[in-house]
């Protein structure tokens, strides 16, 4: 015998199915909106035609006063770039090519600059406090009035590099190459230079093997 409510149950089933389908559509729209928001959040920063991302190719770029705090510029080609007054605190410049770059007045506190090329770069009044400058080539670079307080410079090259009126307090020059470098009127309190090559260096701290 058929239940008197059988037809009512059948009528309710399509309505329930429509509710479920509508719920899935709503969830899909919400997911799409989230994906769009994520894409917007991940939009690449471009400064004067230079995209700010790893391995970017921007030789000679104008990045003066650029805000690059915490940016990943590892492997970037920034040869001859103008980074004067740029804010690079905490940035990653590992394996970057910054040969001949102008970093006058730039802020690189706690930045990571390992295995990078900074030959002939200018660091005039540059803040490198606490920066990690491992195994990089700073040969013929100019440090004038720069702060390298508590910076780590392990295994880096400073052949023919000038350090004039710099704050080198507590800097760690472990195993660096300072051949033919020039030191003049620097603060070297508690700075260490173990196992460093100082052949031909003018004004380098004495008493280190």
N, C-alpha and C. Protein backbone atom coordinates (compact mmCIF):
# COMPACT_ATOMS: atom_id res chain seq x y z
N UNK A 1 0.85 -1.19 0.00
CA UNK A 1 0.00 0.00 0.00
C UNK A 1 0.89 1.24 0.00
N UNK A 2 0.64 2.17 -0.87
CA UNK A 2 1.46 3.37 -0.96
C UNK A 2 1.16 4.31 0.19
N UNK A 3 2.23 4.96 0.67
CA UNK A 3 2.09 5.93 1.75
C UNK A 3 1.40 7.18 1.22
N UNK A 4 0.54 7.77 2.00
CA UNK A 4 -0.13 9.00 1.56
C UNK A 4 0.84 10.16 1.41
N UNK A 5 2.05 9.96 1.97
CA UNK A 5 3.04 11.04 1.88
C UNK A 5 4.05 10.80 0.77
N UNK A 6 3.89 9.74 0.00
CA UNK A 6 4.87 9.39 -1.04
C UNK A 6 5.03 10.51 -2.04
N UNK A 7 3.91 11.08 -2.52
CA UNK A 7 4.00 12.14 -3.53
C UNK A 7 4.65 13.39 -2.94
N UNK A 8 4.40 13.66 -1.68
CA UNK A 8 5.01 14.83 -1.04
C UNK A 8 6.52 14.68 -0.93
N UNK A 9 6.97 13.40 -0.63
CA UNK A 9 8.41 13.13 -0.54
C UNK A 9 9.07 13.34 -1.89
N UNK A 10 8.42 12.86 -2.94
CA UNK A 10 8.97 13.01 -4.29
C UNK A 10 9.07 14.49 -4.67
N UNK A 11 8.12 15.28 -4.21
CA UNK A 11 8.12 16.70 -4.55
C UNK A 11 9.26 17.42 -3.85
N UNK A 12 9.58 16.92 -2.61
CA UNK A 12 10.62 17.60 -1.85
C UNK A 12 12.01 17.27 -2.35
N UNK A 13 12.21 16.07 -2.96
CA UNK A 13 13.55 15.63 -3.37
C UNK A 13 14.17 16.55 -4.41
N UNK A 14 13.47 16.96 -5.48
CA UNK A 14 14.09 17.88 -6.44
C UNK A 14 14.48 19.20 -5.80
N UNK A 15 13.64 19.68 -4.85
CA UNK A 15 13.96 20.94 -4.19
C UNK A 15 15.25 20.82 -3.39
N UNK A 16 15.42 19.66 -2.69
CA UNK A 16 16.65 19.44 -1.92
C UNK A 16 17.85 19.39 -2.84
N UNK A 17 17.68 18.75 -4.01
CA UNK A 17 18.78 18.68 -4.97
C UNK A 17 19.17 20.05 -5.45
N UNK A 18 18.19 20.93 -5.67
CA UNK A 18 18.49 22.29 -6.12
C UNK A 18 19.28 23.06 -5.06
N UNK A 19 18.93 22.83 -3.78
CA UNK A 19 19.64 23.50 -2.70
C UNK A 19 21.10 23.07 -2.67
N UNK A 20 21.36 21.77 -2.82
CA UNK A 20 22.74 21.25 -2.83
C UNK A 20 23.51 21.83 -4.00
N UNK A 21 22.87 21.83 -5.19
CA UNK A 21 23.54 22.37 -6.38
C UNK A 21 23.88 23.84 -6.19
N UNK A 22 22.93 24.59 -5.62
CA UNK A 22 23.17 26.01 -5.40
C UNK A 22 24.32 26.22 -4.42
N UNK A 23 24.41 25.35 -3.43
CA UNK A 23 25.50 25.45 -2.45
C UNK A 23 26.85 25.26 -3.13
N UNK A 24 26.92 24.27 -4.04
CA UNK A 24 28.18 24.01 -4.75
C UNK A 24 28.55 25.18 -5.65
N UNK A 25 27.58 25.79 -6.28
CA UNK A 25 27.85 26.95 -7.13
C UNK A 25 28.40 28.10 -6.29
N UNK A 26 27.77 28.31 -5.12
CA UNK A 26 28.20 29.39 -4.24
C UNK A 26 29.64 29.16 -3.78
N UNK A 27 29.96 27.91 -3.40
CA UNK A 27 31.32 27.59 -2.98
C UNK A 27 32.31 27.82 -4.10
N UNK A 28 31.90 27.47 -5.33
CA UNK A 28 32.78 27.68 -6.48
C UNK A 28 33.07 29.14 -6.71
N UNK A 29 32.03 29.97 -6.56
CA UNK A 29 32.23 31.41 -6.74
C UNK A 29 33.15 31.97 -5.67
N UNK A 30 32.99 31.49 -4.43
CA UNK A 30 33.85 31.95 -3.34
C UNK A 30 35.29 31.55 -3.59
N UNK A 31 35.50 30.32 -4.08
CA UNK A 31 36.87 29.86 -4.38
C UNK A 31 37.50 30.68 -5.48
N UNK A 32 36.71 31.00 -6.50
CA UNK A 32 37.22 31.81 -7.60
C UNK A 32 37.61 33.19 -7.12
N UNK A 33 36.78 33.73 -6.23
CA UNK A 33 37.09 35.05 -5.68
C UNK A 33 38.38 35.02 -4.88
N UNK A 34 38.57 33.93 -4.10
CA UNK A 34 39.80 33.79 -3.33
C UNK A 34 41.01 33.70 -4.23
N UNK A 35 40.89 32.93 -5.33
CA UNK A 35 42.00 32.77 -6.26
C UNK A 35 42.35 34.10 -6.90
N UNK A 36 41.30 34.88 -7.25
CA UNK A 36 41.56 36.19 -7.86
C UNK A 36 42.26 37.10 -6.88
N UNK A 37 41.84 37.07 -5.62
CA UNK A 37 42.48 37.90 -4.61
C UNK A 37 43.93 37.51 -4.44
N UNK A 38 44.22 36.19 -4.46
CA UNK A 38 45.60 35.73 -4.31
C UNK A 38 46.45 36.21 -5.46
N UNK A 39 45.86 36.18 -6.68
CA UNK A 39 46.60 36.65 -7.84
C UNK A 39 46.92 38.13 -7.72
N UNK A 40 45.93 38.91 -7.23
CA UNK A 40 46.15 40.34 -7.05
C UNK A 40 47.23 40.60 -6.03
N UNK A 41 47.23 39.81 -4.92
CA UNK A 41 48.21 39.99 -3.87
C UNK A 41 49.61 39.66 -4.36
N UNK A 42 49.72 38.71 -5.31
CA UNK A 42 51.02 38.28 -5.80
C UNK A 42 51.48 39.07 -7.02
N UNK A 43 50.84 40.18 -7.32
CA UNK A 43 51.19 40.97 -8.48
C UNK A 43 52.63 41.43 -8.39
N UNK A 44 53.37 41.29 -9.48
CA UNK A 44 54.79 41.63 -9.50
C UNK A 44 54.98 43.14 -9.45
N UNK A 45 55.87 43.57 -8.58
CA UNK A 45 56.19 44.99 -8.49
C UNK A 45 57.15 45.35 -9.62
N UNK A 46 56.84 46.43 -10.34
CA UNK A 46 57.69 46.89 -11.43
C UNK A 46 58.06 48.34 -11.15
N UNK A 47 59.37 48.63 -11.14
CA UNK A 47 59.84 49.98 -10.86
C UNK A 47 60.65 50.48 -12.05
N UNK A 48 60.18 51.52 -12.69
CA UNK A 48 60.86 52.08 -13.86
C UNK A 48 61.22 51.01 -14.89
N UNK A 49 60.26 50.12 -15.12
CA UNK A 49 60.44 49.08 -16.12
C UNK A 49 61.19 47.85 -15.64
N UNK A 50 61.59 47.84 -14.38
CA UNK A 50 62.34 46.70 -13.83
C UNK A 50 61.45 45.85 -12.94
N UNK A 51 61.11 44.61 -13.35
CA UNK A 51 60.30 43.73 -12.49
C UNK A 51 61.13 43.26 -11.30
N UNK A 52 60.55 43.34 -10.12
CA UNK A 52 61.26 42.98 -8.89
C UNK A 52 60.95 41.52 -8.56
N UNK A 53 61.85 40.65 -9.01
CA UNK A 53 61.72 39.21 -8.75
C UNK A 53 63.08 38.56 -8.92
N UNK A 54 63.24 37.30 -8.50
CA UNK A 54 64.54 36.64 -8.64
C UNK A 54 64.96 36.55 -10.11
N UNK A 55 66.26 36.70 -10.35
CA UNK A 55 66.87 36.58 -11.69
C UNK A 55 66.37 37.64 -12.67
N UNK A 56 65.85 38.75 -12.17
CA UNK A 56 65.44 39.83 -13.06
C UNK A 56 66.64 40.35 -13.83
N UNK A 57 66.40 40.88 -15.03
CA UNK A 57 67.48 41.40 -15.87
C UNK A 57 67.26 42.90 -16.06
N UNK A 58 67.96 43.70 -15.24
CA UNK A 58 67.76 45.15 -15.26
C UNK A 58 69.09 45.90 -15.17
N UNK A 59 70.05 45.62 -16.05
CA UNK A 59 71.30 46.38 -15.99
C UNK A 59 71.04 47.87 -16.22
N UNK A 60 71.69 48.70 -15.39
CA UNK A 60 71.53 50.14 -15.52
C UNK A 60 70.20 50.68 -15.05
N UNK A 61 69.43 49.89 -14.32
CA UNK A 61 68.09 50.31 -13.89
C UNK A 61 68.14 51.50 -12.93
N UNK A 62 67.11 52.33 -13.00
CA UNK A 62 66.96 53.45 -12.09
C UNK A 62 66.06 53.02 -10.93
N UNK A 63 66.69 52.66 -9.82
CA UNK A 63 65.96 52.20 -8.64
C UNK A 63 66.22 53.12 -7.45
N UNK A 64 66.45 54.38 -7.75
CA UNK A 64 66.69 55.34 -6.68
C UNK A 64 65.47 55.44 -5.76
N UNK A 65 65.73 55.45 -4.46
CA UNK A 65 64.69 55.60 -3.43
C UNK A 65 63.66 54.45 -3.46
N UNK A 66 63.96 53.37 -4.15
CA UNK A 66 63.00 52.26 -4.25
C UNK A 66 62.84 51.55 -2.91
N UNK A 67 61.61 51.17 -2.60
CA UNK A 67 61.34 50.40 -1.39
C UNK A 67 61.39 48.91 -1.75
N UNK A 68 62.48 48.25 -1.34
CA UNK A 68 62.71 46.85 -1.68
C UNK A 68 62.93 46.01 -0.42
N UNK A 69 62.30 46.40 0.64
CA UNK A 69 62.46 45.72 1.92
C UNK A 69 62.04 44.26 1.81
N UNK A 70 62.96 43.35 2.17
CA UNK A 70 62.64 41.92 2.18
C UNK A 70 62.45 41.29 0.82
N UNK A 71 62.73 42.01 -0.26
CA UNK A 71 62.51 41.45 -1.61
C UNK A 71 63.55 40.39 -1.95
N UNK A 72 63.13 39.43 -2.77
CA UNK A 72 64.04 38.38 -3.24
C UNK A 72 64.56 38.76 -4.61
N UNK A 73 65.81 39.21 -4.65
CA UNK A 73 66.46 39.59 -5.90
C UNK A 73 67.67 38.70 -6.16
N UNK A 74 67.58 37.47 -5.69
CA UNK A 74 68.69 36.54 -5.90
C UNK A 74 68.91 36.31 -7.39
N UNK A 75 70.18 36.30 -7.79
CA UNK A 75 70.51 36.05 -9.19
C UNK A 75 70.20 37.21 -10.12
N UNK A 76 69.81 38.37 -9.58
CA UNK A 76 69.42 39.50 -10.42
C UNK A 76 70.62 40.11 -11.13
N UNK A 77 70.39 40.61 -12.34
CA UNK A 77 71.41 41.34 -13.09
C UNK A 77 71.13 42.83 -12.92
N UNK A 78 71.87 43.46 -12.02
CA UNK A 78 71.68 44.88 -11.72
C UNK A 78 73.00 45.63 -11.93
N UNK A 79 73.75 45.20 -12.93
CA UNK A 79 75.03 45.87 -13.23
C UNK A 79 74.81 47.34 -13.53
N UNK A 80 75.59 48.19 -12.86
CA UNK A 80 75.50 49.62 -13.12
C UNK A 80 74.20 50.26 -12.70
N UNK A 81 73.39 49.55 -11.94
CA UNK A 81 72.09 50.11 -11.51
C UNK A 81 72.30 51.22 -10.49
N UNK A 82 71.36 52.15 -10.47
CA UNK A 82 71.39 53.24 -9.49
C UNK A 82 70.42 52.89 -8.37
N UNK A 83 70.98 52.45 -7.25
CA UNK A 83 70.19 52.07 -6.08
C UNK A 83 70.41 53.05 -4.94
N UNK A 84 70.80 54.26 -5.28
CA UNK A 84 71.05 55.25 -4.24
C UNK A 84 69.77 55.52 -3.45
N UNK A 85 69.92 55.53 -2.13
CA UNK A 85 68.81 55.76 -1.19
C UNK A 85 67.74 54.66 -1.22
N UNK A 86 68.01 53.56 -1.89
CA UNK A 86 67.03 52.46 -1.92
C UNK A 86 67.00 51.76 -0.56
N UNK A 87 65.85 51.23 -0.21
CA UNK A 87 65.69 50.52 1.07
C UNK A 87 65.68 49.02 0.78
N UNK A 88 66.80 48.37 1.08
CA UNK A 88 66.97 46.94 0.82
C UNK A 88 67.14 46.15 2.12
N UNK A 89 66.61 46.65 3.19
CA UNK A 89 66.74 45.96 4.47
C UNK A 89 66.12 44.56 4.38
N UNK A 90 66.92 43.56 4.79
CA UNK A 90 66.43 42.19 4.80
C UNK A 90 66.26 41.58 3.43
N UNK A 91 66.71 42.26 2.38
CA UNK A 91 66.56 41.72 1.02
C UNK A 91 67.54 40.59 0.76
N UNK A 92 67.22 39.76 -0.23
CA UNK A 92 68.09 38.66 -0.63
C UNK A 92 68.72 39.00 -1.98
N UNK A 93 70.04 39.23 -1.96
CA UNK A 93 70.78 39.56 -3.18
C UNK A 93 71.83 38.50 -3.48
N UNK A 94 71.58 37.29 -3.04
CA UNK A 94 72.53 36.21 -3.26
C UNK A 94 72.72 35.95 -4.75
N UNK A 95 73.98 35.79 -5.14
CA UNK A 95 74.36 35.50 -6.53
C UNK A 95 73.93 36.60 -7.51
N UNK A 96 73.63 37.78 -6.99
CA UNK A 96 73.26 38.90 -7.87
C UNK A 96 74.50 39.55 -8.47
N UNK A 97 74.33 40.18 -9.63
CA UNK A 97 75.42 40.89 -10.27
C UNK A 97 75.17 42.39 -10.13
N UNK A 98 75.92 43.02 -9.24
CA UNK A 98 75.77 44.45 -8.97
C UNK A 98 77.07 45.20 -9.30
N UNK A 99 77.81 44.68 -10.25
CA UNK A 99 79.08 45.32 -10.61
C UNK A 99 78.84 46.77 -11.04
N UNK A 100 79.59 47.68 -10.42
CA UNK A 100 79.48 49.08 -10.77
C UNK A 100 78.21 49.76 -10.29
N UNK A 101 77.44 49.10 -9.45
CA UNK A 101 76.18 49.69 -8.97
C UNK A 101 76.44 50.83 -7.99
N UNK A 102 75.53 51.78 -7.97
CA UNK A 102 75.62 52.91 -7.04
C UNK A 102 74.68 52.66 -5.87
N UNK A 103 75.25 52.40 -4.69
CA UNK A 103 74.46 52.12 -3.49
C UNK A 103 74.65 53.23 -2.45
N UNK A 104 74.88 54.43 -2.93
CA UNK A 104 75.07 55.58 -2.05
C UNK A 104 73.81 55.80 -1.20
N UNK A 105 74.01 55.83 0.11
CA UNK A 105 72.89 56.10 1.02
C UNK A 105 71.85 55.00 1.09
N UNK A 106 72.13 53.85 0.48
CA UNK A 106 71.16 52.74 0.51
C UNK A 106 71.15 52.08 1.89
N UNK A 107 70.06 51.42 2.20
CA UNK A 107 69.91 50.74 3.49
C UNK A 107 69.86 49.23 3.23
N UNK A 108 70.89 48.53 3.70
CA UNK A 108 70.97 47.08 3.50
C UNK A 108 71.12 46.35 4.83
N UNK A 109 70.60 46.92 5.89
CA UNK A 109 70.67 46.26 7.19
C UNK A 109 70.08 44.86 7.13
N UNK A 110 70.87 43.88 7.60
CA UNK A 110 70.46 42.47 7.68
C UNK A 110 70.13 41.87 6.30
N UNK A 111 70.62 42.49 5.26
CA UNK A 111 70.43 41.90 3.92
C UNK A 111 71.38 40.71 3.75
N UNK A 112 71.04 39.81 2.83
CA UNK A 112 71.89 38.67 2.51
C UNK A 112 72.48 38.89 1.13
N UNK A 113 73.81 39.02 1.10
CA UNK A 113 74.51 39.28 -0.17
C UNK A 113 75.64 38.26 -0.27
N UNK A 114 75.30 37.02 -0.60
CA UNK A 114 76.30 35.96 -0.67
C UNK A 114 76.56 35.57 -2.12
N UNK A 115 77.83 35.25 -2.40
CA UNK A 115 78.26 34.82 -3.74
C UNK A 115 77.83 35.82 -4.81
N UNK A 116 77.89 37.10 -4.48
CA UNK A 116 77.46 38.15 -5.40
C UNK A 116 78.67 38.90 -5.97
N UNK A 117 78.44 39.58 -7.10
CA UNK A 117 79.48 40.38 -7.74
C UNK A 117 79.19 41.86 -7.49
N UNK A 118 80.03 42.50 -6.67
CA UNK A 118 79.88 43.93 -6.38
C UNK A 118 81.18 44.68 -6.69
N UNK A 119 81.91 44.20 -7.67
CA UNK A 119 83.14 44.87 -8.07
C UNK A 119 82.84 46.30 -8.53
N UNK A 120 83.68 47.23 -8.09
CA UNK A 120 83.56 48.65 -8.48
C UNK A 120 82.25 49.30 -8.00
N UNK A 121 81.54 48.67 -7.09
CA UNK A 121 80.31 49.27 -6.57
C UNK A 121 80.66 50.39 -5.58
N UNK A 122 79.73 51.32 -5.40
CA UNK A 122 79.94 52.46 -4.49
C UNK A 122 79.02 52.35 -3.28
N UNK A 123 79.64 52.37 -2.10
CA UNK A 123 78.91 52.30 -0.83
C UNK A 123 79.24 53.56 -0.03
N UNK A 124 78.69 54.68 -0.44
CA UNK A 124 78.98 55.94 0.23
C UNK A 124 77.84 56.26 1.19
N UNK A 125 78.16 56.25 2.49
CA UNK A 125 77.11 56.48 3.50
C UNK A 125 76.08 55.36 3.53
N UNK A 126 76.47 54.18 3.09
CA UNK A 126 75.54 53.04 3.02
C UNK A 126 75.43 52.34 4.37
N UNK A 127 74.24 51.91 4.72
CA UNK A 127 74.01 51.18 5.97
C UNK A 127 73.97 49.69 5.68
N UNK A 128 75.01 48.97 6.15
CA UNK A 128 75.10 47.52 5.97
C UNK A 128 75.16 46.82 7.33
N UNK A 129 74.58 47.45 8.33
CA UNK A 129 74.65 46.90 9.68
C UNK A 129 74.00 45.52 9.75
N UNK A 130 74.76 44.55 10.25
CA UNK A 130 74.24 43.20 10.41
C UNK A 130 74.03 42.45 9.11
N UNK A 131 74.54 42.98 8.00
CA UNK A 131 74.36 42.29 6.71
C UNK A 131 75.24 41.05 6.64
N UNK A 132 74.81 40.07 5.87
CA UNK A 132 75.56 38.84 5.65
C UNK A 132 76.16 38.91 4.24
N UNK A 133 77.46 39.15 4.19
CA UNK A 133 78.14 39.41 2.92
C UNK A 133 79.14 38.29 2.64
N UNK A 134 78.66 37.08 2.56
CA UNK A 134 79.53 35.92 2.44
C UNK A 134 79.99 35.66 1.00
N UNK A 135 81.28 35.32 0.85
CA UNK A 135 81.84 34.83 -0.42
C UNK A 135 81.50 35.71 -1.63
N UNK A 136 81.44 37.00 -1.41
CA UNK A 136 81.15 37.93 -2.51
C UNK A 136 82.41 38.68 -2.92
N UNK A 137 82.38 39.24 -4.12
CA UNK A 137 83.54 39.95 -4.65
C UNK A 137 83.28 41.46 -4.64
N UNK A 138 83.97 42.16 -3.73
CA UNK A 138 83.86 43.61 -3.61
C UNK A 138 85.14 44.29 -4.10
N UNK A 139 85.89 43.63 -4.95
CA UNK A 139 87.16 44.18 -5.41
C UNK A 139 86.97 45.53 -6.08
N UNK A 140 87.86 46.48 -5.73
CA UNK A 140 87.86 47.83 -6.29
C UNK A 140 86.58 48.62 -5.94
N UNK A 141 85.82 48.13 -4.97
CA UNK A 141 84.63 48.87 -4.53
C UNK A 141 85.07 50.01 -3.60
N UNK A 142 84.16 50.95 -3.36
CA UNK A 142 84.45 52.10 -2.50
C UNK A 142 83.47 52.14 -1.35
N UNK A 143 84.00 52.00 -0.13
CA UNK A 143 83.22 52.15 1.09
C UNK A 143 83.67 53.44 1.76
N UNK A 144 82.82 54.45 1.73
CA UNK A 144 83.19 55.74 2.31
C UNK A 144 82.06 56.19 3.25
N UNK A 145 82.38 56.26 4.55
CA UNK A 145 81.37 56.64 5.53
C UNK A 145 80.27 55.61 5.69
N UNK A 146 80.54 54.38 5.30
CA UNK A 146 79.54 53.31 5.38
C UNK A 146 79.57 52.65 6.76
N UNK A 147 78.45 52.05 7.13
CA UNK A 147 78.39 51.31 8.39
C UNK A 147 78.29 49.82 8.11
N UNK A 148 79.30 49.07 8.59
CA UNK A 148 79.29 47.61 8.48
C UNK A 148 79.33 47.00 9.88
N UNK A 149 78.75 47.70 10.82
CA UNK A 149 78.76 47.21 12.20
C UNK A 149 78.10 45.84 12.29
N UNK A 150 78.78 44.93 12.97
CA UNK A 150 78.38 43.52 13.17
C UNK A 150 78.04 42.80 11.86
N UNK A 151 78.56 43.30 10.75
CA UNK A 151 78.35 42.59 9.47
C UNK A 151 79.26 41.36 9.41
N UNK A 152 78.83 40.35 8.66
CA UNK A 152 79.62 39.14 8.44
C UNK A 152 80.11 39.16 7.00
N UNK A 153 81.44 39.08 6.82
CA UNK A 153 82.02 39.20 5.48
C UNK A 153 82.88 37.98 5.14
N UNK A 154 82.56 36.85 5.69
CA UNK A 154 83.38 35.65 5.56
C UNK A 154 83.70 35.31 4.10
N UNK A 155 85.01 35.05 3.86
CA UNK A 155 85.51 34.54 2.56
C UNK A 155 85.29 35.48 1.39
N UNK A 156 85.00 36.75 1.64
CA UNK A 156 84.78 37.68 0.54
C UNK A 156 86.10 38.31 0.08
N UNK A 157 86.07 38.88 -1.13
CA UNK A 157 87.24 39.50 -1.72
C UNK A 157 87.09 41.01 -1.71
N UNK A 158 88.16 41.69 -1.25
CA UNK A 158 88.20 43.15 -1.21
C UNK A 158 89.53 43.63 -1.82
N UNK A 159 89.91 43.05 -2.92
CA UNK A 159 91.18 43.39 -3.55
C UNK A 159 91.12 44.81 -4.10
N UNK A 160 92.01 45.68 -3.59
CA UNK A 160 92.03 47.07 -4.05
C UNK A 160 90.85 47.89 -3.58
N UNK A 161 90.12 47.40 -2.59
CA UNK A 161 88.93 48.10 -2.09
C UNK A 161 89.32 49.19 -1.09
N UNK A 162 88.57 50.27 -1.07
CA UNK A 162 88.83 51.36 -0.14
C UNK A 162 87.80 51.38 0.99
N UNK A 163 88.29 51.47 2.21
CA UNK A 163 87.44 51.65 3.40
C UNK A 163 87.88 52.95 4.06
N UNK A 164 87.09 54.00 3.92
CA UNK A 164 87.46 55.31 4.46
C UNK A 164 86.34 55.80 5.39
N UNK A 165 86.73 56.11 6.62
CA UNK A 165 85.78 56.67 7.62
C UNK A 165 84.55 55.79 7.79
N UNK A 166 84.77 54.48 7.82
CA UNK A 166 83.65 53.53 7.96
C UNK A 166 83.54 53.04 9.40
N UNK A 167 82.34 52.62 9.76
CA UNK A 167 82.10 51.99 11.05
C UNK A 167 82.18 50.48 10.85
N UNK A 168 83.31 49.90 11.29
CA UNK A 168 83.53 48.46 11.14
C UNK A 168 83.48 47.76 12.51
N UNK A 169 82.83 48.40 13.45
CA UNK A 169 82.79 47.85 14.80
C UNK A 169 82.14 46.48 14.83
N UNK A 170 82.87 45.52 15.40
CA UNK A 170 82.41 44.13 15.56
C UNK A 170 82.16 43.41 14.23
N UNK A 171 82.67 43.96 13.14
CA UNK A 171 82.52 43.27 11.85
C UNK A 171 83.42 42.04 11.84
N UNK A 172 83.00 41.01 11.13
CA UNK A 172 83.73 39.74 11.07
C UNK A 172 84.32 39.55 9.67
N UNK A 173 85.63 39.85 9.55
CA UNK A 173 86.34 39.66 8.29
C UNK A 173 87.07 38.31 8.35
N UNK A 174 86.34 37.24 8.34
CA UNK A 174 86.94 35.91 8.49
C UNK A 174 87.42 35.37 7.14
N UNK A 175 88.74 35.17 7.01
CA UNK A 175 89.29 34.58 5.80
C UNK A 175 89.07 35.40 4.55
N UNK A 176 89.08 36.73 4.67
CA UNK A 176 88.83 37.59 3.51
C UNK A 176 90.14 37.92 2.79
N UNK A 177 90.01 38.40 1.56
CA UNK A 177 91.18 38.82 0.78
C UNK A 177 91.19 40.34 0.71
N UNK A 178 92.13 40.96 1.44
CA UNK A 178 92.27 42.41 1.49
C UNK A 178 93.54 42.88 0.77
N UNK A 179 93.98 42.11 -0.18
CA UNK A 179 95.21 42.46 -0.90
C UNK A 179 95.07 43.83 -1.58
N UNK A 180 96.05 44.68 -1.33
CA UNK A 180 96.10 46.02 -1.93
C UNK A 180 94.91 46.91 -1.56
N UNK A 181 94.19 46.54 -0.51
CA UNK A 181 93.08 47.39 -0.05
C UNK A 181 93.65 48.60 0.71
N UNK A 182 92.78 49.56 1.01
CA UNK A 182 93.21 50.74 1.76
C UNK A 182 92.23 51.02 2.89
N UNK A 183 92.78 51.10 4.12
CA UNK A 183 91.99 51.42 5.31
C UNK A 183 92.43 52.79 5.82
N UNK A 184 91.47 53.67 6.05
CA UNK A 184 91.81 55.00 6.55
C UNK A 184 90.70 55.55 7.44
N UNK A 185 91.08 55.88 8.68
CA UNK A 185 90.17 56.54 9.64
C UNK A 185 88.89 55.75 9.89
N UNK A 186 89.03 54.44 9.99
CA UNK A 186 87.86 53.60 10.27
C UNK A 186 87.76 53.28 11.76
N UNK A 187 86.55 52.99 12.22
CA UNK A 187 86.34 52.48 13.58
C UNK A 187 86.37 50.96 13.50
N UNK A 188 87.38 50.35 14.11
CA UNK A 188 87.54 48.88 14.01
C UNK A 188 87.44 48.21 15.38
N UNK A 189 86.83 48.87 16.32
CA UNK A 189 86.70 48.32 17.68
C UNK A 189 86.00 46.96 17.62
N UNK A 190 86.68 45.94 18.15
CA UNK A 190 86.19 44.56 18.23
C UNK A 190 85.99 43.90 16.85
N UNK A 191 86.44 44.52 15.79
CA UNK A 191 86.40 43.86 14.48
C UNK A 191 87.49 42.79 14.46
N UNK A 192 87.24 41.69 13.76
CA UNK A 192 88.22 40.60 13.70
C UNK A 192 88.56 40.28 12.25
N UNK A 193 89.83 39.86 12.04
CA UNK A 193 90.34 39.60 10.70
C UNK A 193 91.13 38.28 10.66
N UNK A 194 90.63 37.21 11.23
CA UNK A 194 91.43 35.97 11.26
C UNK A 194 91.60 35.35 9.88
N UNK A 195 92.79 34.81 9.65
CA UNK A 195 93.11 34.08 8.42
C UNK A 195 92.85 34.90 7.16
N UNK A 196 93.08 36.21 7.25
CA UNK A 196 92.84 37.08 6.10
C UNK A 196 94.14 37.43 5.39
N UNK A 197 94.04 37.64 4.08
CA UNK A 197 95.19 38.04 3.28
C UNK A 197 95.27 39.56 3.25
N UNK A 198 96.33 40.13 3.85
CA UNK A 198 96.47 41.58 3.90
C UNK A 198 97.71 42.05 3.13
N UNK A 199 98.16 41.26 2.22
CA UNK A 199 99.36 41.62 1.46
C UNK A 199 99.15 42.93 0.70
N UNK A 200 100.03 43.87 0.91
CA UNK A 200 99.96 45.15 0.21
C UNK A 200 98.85 46.08 0.70
N UNK A 201 98.17 45.70 1.76
CA UNK A 201 97.07 46.54 2.28
C UNK A 201 97.64 47.74 3.03
N UNK A 202 97.10 48.91 2.75
CA UNK A 202 97.54 50.13 3.43
C UNK A 202 96.59 50.42 4.60
N UNK A 203 97.16 50.46 5.80
CA UNK A 203 96.36 50.81 6.98
C UNK A 203 95.54 49.67 7.55
N UNK A 204 95.70 48.47 7.04
CA UNK A 204 94.95 47.33 7.59
C UNK A 204 95.36 47.07 9.04
N UNK A 205 94.44 46.62 9.88
CA UNK A 205 94.78 46.30 11.27
C UNK A 205 95.89 45.25 11.32
N UNK A 206 96.80 45.42 12.23
CA UNK A 206 97.92 44.49 12.35
C UNK A 206 97.67 43.47 13.46
N UNK A 207 98.53 42.45 13.49
CA UNK A 207 98.43 41.45 14.55
C UNK A 207 97.56 40.26 14.20
N UNK A 208 97.15 40.18 12.92
CA UNK A 208 96.32 39.04 12.50
C UNK A 208 97.13 38.16 11.56
N UNK A 209 96.96 36.84 11.71
CA UNK A 209 97.71 35.91 10.87
C UNK A 209 97.18 35.91 9.45
